[in-house]
C-alpha atoms as a PDB file:
ATOM      1  CA  MET A   1     -36.101   4.169   0.060  1.00  0.00           C
ATOM      2  CA  THR A   2     -33.157   2.614   0.575  1.00  0.00           C
ATOM      3  CA  LYS A   3     -32.699  -0.583   2.819  1.00  0.00           C
ATOM      4  CA  VAL A   4     -28.846  -2.955   3.931  1.00  0.00           C
ATOM      5  CA  ARG A   5     -29.630  -6.352   1.944  1.00  0.00           C
ATOM      6  CA  SER A   6     -26.902  -7.291   3.870  1.00  0.00           C
ATOM      7  CA  THR A   7     -23.180  -6.609   5.991  1.00  0.00           C
ATOM      8  CA  GLU A   8     -20.101  -8.810   5.903  1.00  0.00           C
ATOM      9  CA  TRP A   9     -17.294  -8.084   8.371  1.00  0.00           C
ATOM     10  CA  ASP A  10     -14.062  -9.585   7.009  1.00  0.00           C
ATOM     11  CA  ALA A  11     -10.763  -8.816   8.215  1.00  0.00           C
ATOM     12  CA  GLY A  12     -12.026  -6.020  10.369  1.00  0.00           C
ATOM     13  CA  VAL A  13     -14.201  -4.928   7.303  1.00  0.00           C
ATOM     14  CA  LYS A  14     -17.941  -3.572   7.579  1.00  0.00           C
ATOM     15  CA  THR A  15     -19.016  -4.416   4.562  1.00  0.00           C
ATOM     16  CA  ARG A  16     -23.327  -3.845   3.845  1.00  0.00           C
ATOM     17  CA  TYR A  17     -24.477  -3.687   0.912  1.00  0.00           C
ATOM     18  CA  ILE A  18     -27.389  -1.391   0.116  1.00  0.00           C
ATOM     19  CA  GLN A  19     -30.506  -1.323  -1.852  1.00  0.00           C
ATOM     20  CA  GLU A  20     -30.819   2.593  -3.124  1.00  0.00           C
ATOM     21  CA  SER A  21     -34.343   3.369  -4.229  1.00  0.00           C
ATOM     22  CA  ASP A  22     -33.403   3.870  -7.740  1.00  0.00           C
ATOM     23  CA  GLY A  23     -32.283   0.369  -7.677  1.00  0.00           C
ATOM     24  CA  GLN A  24     -29.077   0.880  -8.162  1.00  0.00           C
ATOM     25  CA  LEU A  25     -26.632  -0.657  -5.645  1.00  0.00           C
ATOM     26  CA  THR A  26     -24.003   0.398  -3.683  1.00  0.00           C
ATOM     27  CA  ILE A  27     -21.241  -1.079  -1.067  1.00  0.00           C
ATOM     28  CA  ASN A  28     -20.326   0.831   1.805  1.00  0.00           C
ATOM     29  CA  ASN A  29     -16.716   0.014   3.051  1.00  0.00           C
ATOM     30  CA  GLN A  30     -16.031   0.541   6.818  1.00  0.00           C
ATOM     31  CA  GLN A  31     -13.107  -0.031   9.512  1.00  0.00           C
ATOM     32  CA  ASN A  32     -12.206   1.662  12.407  1.00  0.00           C
ATOM     33  CA  LEU A  33      -8.325   2.196  11.897  1.00  0.00           C
ATOM     34  CA  ASN A  34      -8.106   3.825  15.150  1.00  0.00           C
ATOM     35  CA  PRO A  35      -6.335   0.315  16.838  1.00  0.00           C
ATOM     36  CA  LEU A  36      -3.664  -0.137  14.078  1.00  0.00           C
ATOM     37  CA  LEU A  37      -2.351   3.123  14.129  1.00  0.00           C
ATOM     38  CA  GLU A  38      -1.424   3.338  17.883  1.00  0.00           C
ATOM     39  CA  ARG A  39       0.212   0.074  17.235  1.00  0.00           C
ATOM     40  CA  ASN A  40       1.997   1.951  14.631  1.00  0.00           C
ATOM     41  CA  LYS A  41       2.769   5.434  16.693  1.00  0.00           C
ATOM     42  CA  LYS A  42       4.022   2.928  19.101  1.00  0.00           C
ATOM     43  CA  LEU A  43       6.721   0.877  16.234  1.00  0.00           C
ATOM     44  CA  TYR A  44       8.007   4.018  15.531  1.00  0.00           C
ATOM     45  CA  THR A  45       9.040   5.034  18.512  1.00  0.00           C
ATOM     46  CA  GLN A  46      10.371   1.434  19.427  1.00  0.00           C
ATOM     47  CA  ASN A  47      13.606   1.121  17.111  1.00  0.00           C
ATOM     48  CA  ASP A  48      14.905   2.352  13.906  1.00  0.00           C
ATOM     49  CA  GLY A  49      12.910  -1.138  12.329  1.00  0.00           C
ATOM     50  CA  TYR A  50      15.420  -3.058  10.816  1.00  0.00           C
ATOM     51  CA  THR A  51      15.591  -6.852  11.781  1.00  0.00           C
ATOM     52  CA  ALA A  52      18.755  -7.666  14.124  1.00  0.00           C
ATOM     53  CA  SER A  53      21.056  -8.492  11.354  1.00  0.00           C
ATOM     54  CA  ARG A  54      19.471  -5.661   9.206  1.00  0.00           C
ATOM     55  CA  ASP A  55      18.662  -7.613   5.967  1.00  0.00           C
ATOM     56  CA  MET A  56      14.589  -6.008   6.285  1.00  0.00           C
ATOM     57  CA  ARG A  57      13.117  -3.148   7.439  1.00  0.00           C
ATOM     58  CA  ARG A  58       9.793  -2.175   9.014  1.00  0.00           C
ATOM     59  CA  ILE A  59       8.236   0.640   6.742  1.00  0.00           C
ATOM     60  CA  ALA A  60       4.980   1.021   7.050  1.00  0.00           C
ATOM     61  CA  SER A  61       1.393  -0.063   8.192  1.00  0.00           C
ATOM     62  CA  VAL A  62      -1.581   0.481   5.714  1.00  0.00           C
ATOM     63  CA  PRO A  63      -5.010  -1.482   5.745  1.00  0.00           C
ATOM     64  CA  PRO A  64      -5.958  -2.261   2.828  1.00  0.00           C
ATOM     65  CA  ILE A  65      -9.475   0.196   3.025  1.00  0.00           C
ATOM     66  CA  MET A  66      -6.611   2.337   2.445  1.00  0.00           C
ATOM     67  CA  LEU A  67      -4.630   0.406  -0.993  1.00  0.00           C
ATOM     68  CA  GLN A  68      -8.702   0.649  -1.831  1.00  0.00           C
ATOM     69  CA  LEU A  69      -9.125   3.887  -1.918  1.00  0.00           C
ATOM     70  CA  TRP A  70      -5.454   5.012  -2.582  1.00  0.00           C
ATOM     71  CA  THR A  71      -6.949   2.991  -5.936  1.00  0.00           C
ATOM     72  CA  LYS A  72      -9.521   4.954  -6.819  1.00  0.00           C
ATOM     73  CA  GLU A  73      -7.979   7.889  -6.917  1.00  0.00           C
ATOM     74  CA  TYR A  74      -5.481   7.105  -8.944  1.00  0.00           C
ATOM     75  CA  ASN A  75      -7.679   5.096 -11.835  1.00  0.00           C
ATOM     76  CA  GLY A  76     -11.553   5.354 -10.010  1.00  0.00           C
ATOM     77  CA  ASN A  77     -11.550   1.524  -9.301  1.00  0.00           C
ATOM     78  CA  ASN A  78     -10.326  -0.393  -6.450  1.00  0.00           C
ATOM     79  CA  ASN A  79      -7.679  -2.836  -7.152  1.00  0.00           C
ATOM     80  CA  TRP A  80      -4.491  -1.791  -6.166  1.00  0.00           C
ATOM     81  CA  TRP A  81      -3.750  -5.710  -7.015  1.00  0.00           C
ATOM     82  CA  ALA A  82      -4.551  -4.635 -10.626  1.00  0.00           C
ATOM     83  CA  LEU A  83      -2.107  -1.791 -11.131  1.00  0.00           C
ATOM     84  CA  PRO A  84       1.266  -1.752 -12.226  1.00  0.00           C
ATOM     85  CA  LYS A  85       3.820  -2.843  -9.716  1.00  0.00           C
ATOM     86  CA  GLU A  86       5.870   0.517 -10.880  1.00  0.00           C
ATOM     87  CA  ILE A  87       2.263   2.629 -10.385  1.00  0.00           C
ATOM     88  CA  GLN A  88       1.726   0.593  -6.265  1.00  0.00           C
ATOM     89  CA  LYS A  89       5.668   1.433  -5.327  1.00  0.00           C
ATOM     90  CA  THR A  90       4.338   5.607  -7.046  1.00  0.00           C
ATOM     91  CA  ILE A  91       1.163   5.491  -4.893  1.00  0.00           C
ATOM     92  CA  MET A  92       2.563   4.162  -1.412  1.00  0.00           C
ATOM     93  CA  ARG A  93       5.984   6.176  -2.377  1.00  0.00           C
ATOM     94  CA  THR A  94       4.211   9.642  -2.412  1.00  0.00           C
ATOM     95  CA  LYS A  95       1.226   8.878   0.325  1.00  0.00           C
ATOM     96  CA  LEU A  96       3.565   7.908   3.046  1.00  0.00           C
ATOM     97  CA  ASN A  97       5.663  10.218   2.511  1.00  0.00           C
ATOM     98  CA  SER A  98       3.332  13.465   3.150  1.00  0.00           C
ATOM     99  CA  SER A  99       2.006  14.317   6.209  1.00  0.00           C
ATOM    100  CA  GLU A 100      -1.427  13.430   5.743  1.00  0.00           C
ATOM    101  CA  PHE A 101      -0.017   9.341   6.084  1.00  0.00           C
ATOM    102  CA  ARG A 102       2.068   9.791   8.622  1.00  0.00           C
ATOM    103  CA  TYR A 103       0.532   7.080  10.823  1.00  0.00           C
ATOM    104  CA  PHE A 104       0.644   4.360   8.267  1.00  0.00           C
ATOM    105  CA  LYS A 105       4.692   4.678   8.794  1.00  0.00           C
ATOM    106  CA  THR A 106       6.601   2.344  11.355  1.00  0.00           C
ATOM    107  CA  SER A 107      10.281   3.586  11.130  1.00  0.00           C
ATOM    108  CA  GLU A 108      11.246   6.443  10.619  1.00  0.00           C
ATOM    109  CA  GLY A 109      12.797   7.994   7.695  1.00  0.00           C
ATOM    110  CA  SER A 110      11.814   8.318   3.395  1.00  0.00           C
ATOM    111  CA  LEU A 111      11.065   5.739   1.053  1.00  0.00           C
END
């Protein structure tokens, strides 16, 4: 029989620690992405994403839970920050240029 040992909330992410019947501990993360996706859609149509001085551009807003998932796909663990910067850039470019994750983008264009 499984039993939820504890539940924590941090920055909109719900983490549940579940004790499985075989003694294993499962960590389950959940996050409602709808508010972020709606905000991104509004920003996408707001302007071209550049600051008034045009020296910086808004590109995307990606929740940390997605970075964990993408890292797990890449190397089997979920520590985005342990990846080398070049690998992070490659993953981000691949994901954000795909149509599957287009709603994380906050302005037009490719990376």
